[in-house]
Amino acid sequence: MLRQTVLYSGDVQGVGFRASVLAASRGYGVVGYVRNLDDGRVELAAEGEAGEVQAFLGALRERMADNIRDEAATQDRAQGLWNGFHIVP
């Protein structure tokens, strides 16, 4: 189990990005959260089996390609703090 945290920049706030992330998460075995940051970026943390996390992030990247200008990702072991996927303030 791994945790992937991604910071997205571009046209990612005010365009339904978080709702799209939440909708996309339902098709994959991932848990975690997505939230807007004060600096205009969006932070996403997804936990699950490596293949599921990577497939989820790839699908999201494809779905939101017109909005994402850049992304910075870090990887760690899953923390097991989430049950489900959530939009957080």
Protein backbone atom coordinates (compact mmCIF):
# COMPACT_ATOMS: atom_id res chain seq x y z
CA MET A 1 0.00 0.00 0.00
CA LEU A 2 1.29 3.41 -0.92
CA ARG A 3 0.38 7.05 -0.58
CA GLN A 4 0.88 9.41 -3.52
CA THR A 5 0.53 13.14 -2.88
CA VAL A 6 0.28 15.36 -5.94
CA LEU A 7 0.25 19.15 -6.18
CA TYR A 8 -1.45 20.32 -9.38
CA SER A 9 -1.05 23.79 -10.84
CA GLY A 10 -2.66 25.45 -13.82
CA ASP A 11 -6.35 26.17 -14.27
CA VAL A 12 -7.30 23.86 -11.41
CA GLN A 13 -9.52 25.98 -9.15
CA GLY A 14 -13.03 27.11 -9.99
CA VAL A 15 -13.39 24.61 -12.84
CA GLY A 16 -14.82 21.55 -11.07
CA PHE A 17 -11.41 19.94 -10.60
CA ARG A 18 -12.11 18.59 -7.11
CA ALA A 19 -15.51 17.24 -8.15
CA SER A 20 -13.87 15.52 -11.12
CA VAL A 21 -11.28 13.96 -8.81
CA LEU A 22 -14.01 12.70 -6.50
CA ALA A 23 -16.01 11.24 -9.40
CA ALA A 24 -12.92 9.57 -10.88
CA SER A 25 -11.96 8.05 -7.53
CA ARG A 26 -15.14 5.95 -7.49
CA GLY A 27 -13.78 3.76 -10.28
CA TYR A 28 -10.60 2.81 -8.42
CA GLY A 29 -9.59 1.18 -5.16
CA VAL A 30 -8.22 4.37 -3.64
CA VAL A 31 -8.94 6.45 -0.55
CA GLY A 32 -7.77 9.93 0.34
CA TYR A 33 -8.63 13.56 -0.26
CA VAL A 34 -8.44 16.52 -2.59
CA ARG A 35 -8.39 20.18 -1.55
CA ASN A 36 -7.72 23.66 -2.87
CA LEU A 37 -4.63 25.45 -1.58
CA ASP A 38 -4.43 29.18 -0.93
CA ASP A 39 -1.72 29.58 -3.58
CA GLY A 40 -4.03 28.43 -6.42
CA ARG A 41 -2.85 24.83 -6.57
CA VAL A 42 -4.82 21.70 -5.75
CA GLU A 43 -3.46 19.01 -3.42
CA LEU A 44 -4.49 15.39 -3.87
CA ALA A 45 -3.50 12.47 -1.64
CA ALA A 46 -4.42 8.96 -2.76
CA GLU A 47 -3.73 5.71 -0.94
CA GLY A 48 -4.12 2.14 -2.17
CA GLU A 49 -2.36 -0.60 -4.05
CA ALA A 50 0.33 0.88 -6.30
CA GLY A 51 -1.39 -0.16 -9.53
CA GLU A 52 -4.74 1.32 -8.48
CA VAL A 53 -3.19 4.61 -7.39
CA GLN A 54 -1.21 4.94 -10.62
CA ALA A 55 -4.23 4.03 -12.78
CA PHE A 56 -6.38 6.57 -10.92
CA LEU A 57 -3.81 9.35 -11.31
CA GLY A 58 -3.30 8.51 -14.98
CA ALA A 59 -7.04 8.64 -15.66
CA LEU A 60 -7.30 11.94 -13.81
CA ARG A 61 -4.34 13.36 -15.75
CA GLU A 62 -6.06 12.39 -19.02
CA ARG A 63 -9.47 13.68 -17.92
CA MET A 64 -8.14 17.06 -16.75
CA ALA A 65 -5.28 17.51 -19.25
CA ASP A 66 -6.58 20.88 -20.44
CA ASN A 67 -6.44 22.25 -16.88
CA ILE A 68 -3.20 20.81 -15.53
CA ARG A 69 -0.08 22.83 -16.35
CA ASP A 70 2.26 21.11 -13.91
CA GLU A 71 2.25 18.51 -11.17
CA ALA A 72 4.68 17.65 -8.40
CA ALA A 73 4.33 14.25 -6.76
CA THR A 74 5.76 12.55 -3.70
CA GLN A 75 5.33 8.94 -2.65
CA ASP A 76 5.32 7.31 0.77
CA ARG A 77 3.79 4.39 2.60
CA ALA A 78 0.03 4.55 3.15
CA GLN A 79 -0.98 6.02 6.48
CA GLY A 80 -4.40 4.38 6.64
CA LEU A 81 -6.16 7.54 7.82
CA TRP A 82 -8.97 7.56 5.26
CA ASN A 83 -11.97 5.41 4.44
CA GLY A 84 -13.27 6.64 1.13
CA PHE A 85 -12.29 9.64 -0.95
CA HIS A 86 -13.22 13.15 0.20
CA ILE A 87 -13.14 16.80 -0.75
CA VAL A 88 -11.73 18.63 2.27
CA PRO A 89 -11.61 22.37 3.03
